[in-house]
């Protein structure tokens, strides 16, 4: 769009050659005139203030209930993830109630998680000895690798 058209409607005006700056609209003689402004309706102001306050209140509520929300998310995750195993156990064992099936599946999962932690996470004496000897083993292996 040509620059003089933009300047006439108040978008940009020419400054020094090659420079465009935001400005006012111009009258017939080329003098700047302030663009017409409408007052903002009171309803819009009140709606904006209300939305800001509601957002602030919601954020504060989430921050205050953070611990409860975390436990609720964990509970929902466990319920959804254990549901197929509980239903399978209930179908295969004719007299098994849902509460008993849930308890058995939960204990089985806890046992598996405990076994994984015991095998891989808890430090063993062998691992500590290996970690202590590792720098020496690396130093000893370097001359053999360099001679190849």
C-alpha atoms as a PDB file:
ATOM      1  CA  UNK A   1       0.000   0.000   0.000  1.00  0.00           C
ATOM      2  CA  UNK A   2       1.468   3.419  -0.880  1.00  0.00           C
ATOM      3  CA  UNK A   3       2.797   5.431   2.001  1.00  0.00           C
ATOM      4  CA  UNK A   4       0.616   8.476   1.402  1.00  0.00           C
ATOM      5  CA  UNK A   5      -2.526   6.292   1.668  1.00  0.00           C
ATOM      6  CA  UNK A   6      -1.325   4.844   4.964  1.00  0.00           C
ATOM      7  CA  UNK A   7      -0.495   8.311   6.284  1.00  0.00           C
ATOM      8  CA  UNK A   8      -3.956   9.589   5.358  1.00  0.00           C
ATOM      9  CA  UNK A   9      -5.690   6.939   7.491  1.00  0.00           C
ATOM     10  CA  UNK A  10      -3.291   7.329  10.381  1.00  0.00           C
ATOM     11  CA  UNK A  11      -1.151   4.181  10.267  1.00  0.00           C
ATOM     12  CA  UNK A  12       2.290   5.528   9.378  1.00  0.00           C
ATOM     13  CA  UNK A  13       3.815   8.779   8.278  1.00  0.00           C
ATOM     14  CA  UNK A  14       7.065   9.560   6.569  1.00  0.00           C
ATOM     15  CA  UNK A  15       9.980  10.667   8.668  1.00  0.00           C
ATOM     16  CA  UNK A  16      13.391  10.960   7.075  1.00  0.00           C
ATOM     17  CA  UNK A  17      13.715   9.122   3.747  1.00  0.00           C
ATOM     18  CA  UNK A  18      13.396   5.363   4.285  1.00  0.00           C
ATOM     19  CA  UNK A  19      12.008   5.732   7.810  1.00  0.00           C
ATOM     20  CA  UNK A  20       8.373   5.123   8.729  1.00  0.00           C
ATOM     21  CA  UNK A  21       7.023   6.118  12.133  1.00  0.00           C
ATOM     22  CA  UNK A  22       3.628   5.670  13.713  1.00  0.00           C
ATOM     23  CA  UNK A  23       1.778   8.950  13.878  1.00  0.00           C
ATOM     24  CA  UNK A  24      -1.576  10.690  13.880  1.00  0.00           C
ATOM     25  CA  UNK A  25      -3.866  11.052  10.881  1.00  0.00           C
ATOM     26  CA  UNK A  26      -3.405  14.199   8.836  1.00  0.00           C
ATOM     27  CA  UNK A  27      -5.883  16.862   7.831  1.00  0.00           C
ATOM     28  CA  UNK A  28      -6.238  18.273   4.318  1.00  0.00           C
ATOM     29  CA  UNK A  29      -3.277  20.641   4.802  1.00  0.00           C
ATOM     30  CA  UNK A  30      -1.029  17.808   5.997  1.00  0.00           C
ATOM     31  CA  UNK A  31      -1.016  18.805   9.650  1.00  0.00           C
ATOM     32  CA  UNK A  32      -1.249  16.006  12.236  1.00  0.00           C
ATOM     33  CA  UNK A  33      -4.620  15.570  13.967  1.00  0.00           C
ATOM     34  CA  UNK A  34      -5.242  13.345  16.985  1.00  0.00           C
ATOM     35  CA  UNK A  35      -7.186  10.197  16.070  1.00  0.00           C
ATOM     36  CA  UNK A  36     -10.687   9.994  17.498  1.00  0.00           C
ATOM     37  CA  UNK A  37     -10.928   7.931  20.699  1.00  0.00           C
ATOM     38  CA  UNK A  38     -13.958   6.333  22.226  1.00  0.00           C
ATOM     39  CA  UNK A  39     -14.240   5.818  25.954  1.00  0.00           C
ATOM     40  CA  UNK A  40     -13.972   2.189  27.083  1.00  0.00           C
ATOM     41  CA  UNK A  41     -17.345   0.915  28.340  1.00  0.00           C
ATOM     42  CA  UNK A  42     -17.630   0.345  32.076  1.00  0.00           C
ATOM     43  CA  UNK A  43     -18.824  -3.240  31.467  1.00  0.00           C
ATOM     44  CA  UNK A  44     -15.580  -4.025  29.632  1.00  0.00           C
ATOM     45  CA  UNK A  45     -13.497  -2.606  32.470  1.00  0.00           C
ATOM     46  CA  UNK A  46     -15.477  -4.532  35.099  1.00  0.00           C
ATOM     47  CA  UNK A  47     -15.304  -7.749  33.060  1.00  0.00           C
ATOM     48  CA  UNK A  48     -11.532  -7.401  32.742  1.00  0.00           C
ATOM     49  CA  UNK A  49     -11.105  -6.741  36.462  1.00  0.00           C
ATOM     50  CA  UNK A  50     -13.365  -9.703  37.245  1.00  0.00           C
ATOM     51  CA  UNK A  51     -11.404 -12.039  34.974  1.00  0.00           C
ATOM     52  CA  UNK A  52      -8.100 -10.963  36.491  1.00  0.00           C
ATOM     53  CA  UNK A  53      -9.428 -11.488  40.023  1.00  0.00           C
ATOM     54  CA  UNK A  54     -10.945 -14.865  39.118  1.00  0.00           C
ATOM     55  CA  UNK A  55      -7.656 -16.003  37.579  1.00  0.00           C
ATOM     56  CA  UNK A  56      -5.748 -14.852  40.658  1.00  0.00           C
ATOM     57  CA  UNK A  57      -8.196 -16.698  42.914  1.00  0.00           C
ATOM     58  CA  UNK A  58      -7.923 -19.889  40.879  1.00  0.00           C
ATOM     59  CA  UNK A  59      -4.118 -19.784  40.960  1.00  0.00           C
ATOM     60  CA  UNK A  60      -4.173 -19.230  44.729  1.00  0.00           C
ATOM     61  CA  UNK A  61      -6.601 -22.131  45.178  1.00  0.00           C
ATOM     62  CA  UNK A  62      -4.358 -24.464  43.170  1.00  0.00           C
ATOM     63  CA  UNK A  63      -1.291 -23.352  45.130  1.00  0.00           C
ATOM     64  CA  UNK A  64      -3.042 -23.909  48.471  1.00  0.00           C
ATOM     65  CA  UNK A  65      -4.441 -27.306  47.421  1.00  0.00           C
ATOM     66  CA  UNK A  66      -1.245 -28.405  45.684  1.00  0.00           C
ATOM     67  CA  UNK A  67      -0.506 -31.339  47.997  1.00  0.00           C
ATOM     68  CA  UNK A  68      -4.061 -32.671  47.801  1.00  0.00           C
ATOM     69  CA  UNK A  69      -4.085 -32.303  44.016  1.00  0.00           C
ATOM     70  CA  UNK A  70      -0.802 -34.205  43.709  1.00  0.00           C
ATOM     71  CA  UNK A  71      -2.190 -37.112  45.743  1.00  0.00           C
ATOM     72  CA  UNK A  72      -5.383 -37.064  43.680  1.00  0.00           C
ATOM     73  CA  UNK A  73      -3.392 -37.269  40.441  1.00  0.00           C
ATOM     74  CA  UNK A  74      -1.347 -40.162  41.837  1.00  0.00           C
ATOM     75  CA  UNK A  75      -4.534 -41.956  42.897  1.00  0.00           C
ATOM     76  CA  UNK A  76      -6.116 -41.518  39.473  1.00  0.00           C
ATOM     77  CA  UNK A  77      -2.936 -42.770  37.786  1.00  0.00           C
ATOM     78  CA  UNK A  78      -2.854 -45.880  39.983  1.00  0.00           C
ATOM     79  CA  UNK A  79      -6.555 -46.559  39.463  1.00  0.00           C
ATOM     80  CA  UNK A  80      -6.288 -46.289  35.693  1.00  0.00           C
ATOM     81  CA  UNK A  81      -3.069 -48.287  35.432  1.00  0.00           C
ATOM     82  CA  UNK A  82      -4.150 -51.112  37.786  1.00  0.00           C
ATOM     83  CA  UNK A  83      -7.705 -51.433  36.423  1.00  0.00           C
ATOM     84  CA  UNK A  84      -6.912 -53.984  33.661  1.00  0.00           C
ATOM     85  CA  UNK A  85      -5.055 -56.279  36.081  1.00  0.00           C
ATOM     86  CA  UNK A  86      -7.837 -56.028  38.677  1.00  0.00           C
ATOM     87  CA  UNK A  87     -10.510 -56.856  36.089  1.00  0.00           C
ATOM     88  CA  UNK A  88      -8.498 -59.806  34.768  1.00  0.00           C
ATOM     89  CA  UNK A  89      -8.059 -61.208  38.287  1.00  0.00           C
ATOM     90  CA  UNK A  90     -11.756 -60.724  39.031  1.00  0.00           C
ATOM     91  CA  UNK A  91     -12.779 -62.599  35.883  1.00  0.00           C
ATOM     92  CA  UNK A  92     -10.349 -65.497  36.381  1.00  0.00           C
ATOM     93  CA  UNK A  93     -11.058 -66.073  40.076  1.00  0.00           C
ATOM     94  CA  UNK A  94     -14.823 -66.654  40.395  1.00  0.00           C
ATOM     95  CA  UNK A  95     -15.369 -65.687  44.057  1.00  0.00           C
ATOM     96  CA  UNK A  96     -12.872 -62.816  44.198  1.00  0.00           C
ATOM     97  CA  UNK A  97     -14.442 -59.499  45.141  1.00  0.00           C
ATOM     98  CA  UNK A  98     -13.166 -56.313  43.566  1.00  0.00           C
ATOM     99  CA  UNK A  99     -11.655 -55.025  46.814  1.00  0.00           C
ATOM    100  CA  UNK A 100      -9.663 -58.232  47.306  1.00  0.00           C
ATOM    101  CA  UNK A 101      -8.524 -58.212  43.676  1.00  0.00           C
ATOM    102  CA  UNK A 102      -7.413 -54.587  44.047  1.00  0.00           C
ATOM    103  CA  UNK A 103      -5.468 -55.415  47.216  1.00  0.00           C
ATOM    104  CA  UNK A 104      -3.738 -58.403  45.582  1.00  0.00           C
ATOM    105  CA  UNK A 105      -2.776 -56.457  42.465  1.00  0.00           C
ATOM    106  CA  UNK A 106      -1.538 -53.507  44.525  1.00  0.00           C
ATOM    107  CA  UNK A 107       0.597 -55.797  46.727  1.00  0.00           C
ATOM    108  CA  UNK A 108       2.024 -57.537  43.641  1.00  0.00           C
ATOM    109  CA  UNK A 109       2.965 -54.216  42.047  1.00  0.00           C
ATOM    110  CA  UNK A 110       4.470 -52.987  45.335  1.00  0.00           C
ATOM    111  CA  UNK A 111       6.534 -56.204  45.570  1.00  0.00           C
ATOM    112  CA  UNK A 112       7.821 -55.778  42.000  1.00  0.00           C
ATOM    113  CA  UNK A 113       8.722 -52.133  42.593  1.00  0.00           C
ATOM    114  CA  UNK A 114      10.431 -53.087  45.876  1.00  0.00           C
ATOM    115  CA  UNK A 115      12.433 -55.810  44.138  1.00  0.00           C
ATOM    116  CA  UNK A 116      13.568 -53.413  41.407  1.00  0.00           C
ATOM    117  CA  UNK A 117      14.626 -50.851  44.023  1.00  0.00           C
ATOM    118  CA  UNK A 118      16.463 -53.526  46.041  1.00  0.00           C
ATOM    119  CA  UNK A 119      18.305 -54.830  42.978  1.00  0.00           C
ATOM    120  CA  UNK A 120      19.222 -51.613  41.185  1.00  0.00           C
ATOM    121  CA  UNK A 121      18.891 -48.600  43.444  1.00  0.00           C
ATOM    122  CA  UNK A 122      20.169 -49.615  46.881  1.00  0.00           C
ATOM    123  CA  UNK A 123      23.983 -49.509  46.804  1.00  0.00           C
ATOM    124  CA  UNK A 124      25.664 -52.857  47.306  1.00  0.00           C
ATOM    125  CA  UNK A 125      29.158 -53.360  48.791  1.00  0.00           C
ATOM    126  CA  UNK A 126      30.346 -54.838  45.486  1.00  0.00           C
ATOM    127  CA  UNK A 127      29.239 -51.706  43.669  1.00  0.00           C
ATOM    128  CA  UNK A 128      31.091 -49.474  46.125  1.00  0.00           C
ATOM    129  CA  UNK A 129      34.279 -51.520  45.752  1.00  0.00           C
ATOM    130  CA  UNK A 130      33.952 -51.458  41.961  1.00  0.00           C
ATOM    131  CA  UNK A 131      33.418 -47.681  41.980  1.00  0.00           C
ATOM    132  CA  UNK A 132      36.501 -47.268  44.180  1.00  0.00           C
ATOM    133  CA  UNK A 133      38.679 -49.405  41.877  1.00  0.00           C
ATOM    134  CA  UNK A 134      37.294 -47.949  38.614  1.00  0.00           C
ATOM    135  CA  UNK A 135      39.830 -45.067  38.219  1.00  0.00           C
ATOM    136  CA  UNK A 136      42.718 -47.520  38.665  1.00  0.00           C
ATOM    137  CA  UNK A 137      41.169 -49.944  36.174  1.00  0.00           C
ATOM    138  CA  UNK A 138      40.758 -47.145  33.612  1.00  0.00           C
ATOM    139  CA  UNK A 139      44.355 -45.972  34.156  1.00  0.00           C
ATOM    140  CA  UNK A 140      45.634 -49.541  33.742  1.00  0.00           C
ATOM    141  CA  UNK A 141      43.584 -50.047  30.552  1.00  0.00           C
ATOM    142  CA  UNK A 142      44.796 -46.871  28.836  1.00  0.00           C
ATOM    143  CA  UNK A 143      48.421 -47.996  28.128  1.00  0.00           C
ATOM    144  CA  UNK A 144      47.114 -51.296  26.696  1.00  0.00           C
ATOM    145  CA  UNK A 145      44.712 -49.437  24.407  1.00  0.00           C
ATOM    146  CA  UNK A 146      47.404 -46.958  23.319  1.00  0.00           C
ATOM    147  CA  UNK A 147      49.827 -49.759  22.318  1.00  0.00           C
ATOM    148  CA  UNK A 148      47.394 -51.248  19.781  1.00  0.00           C
END
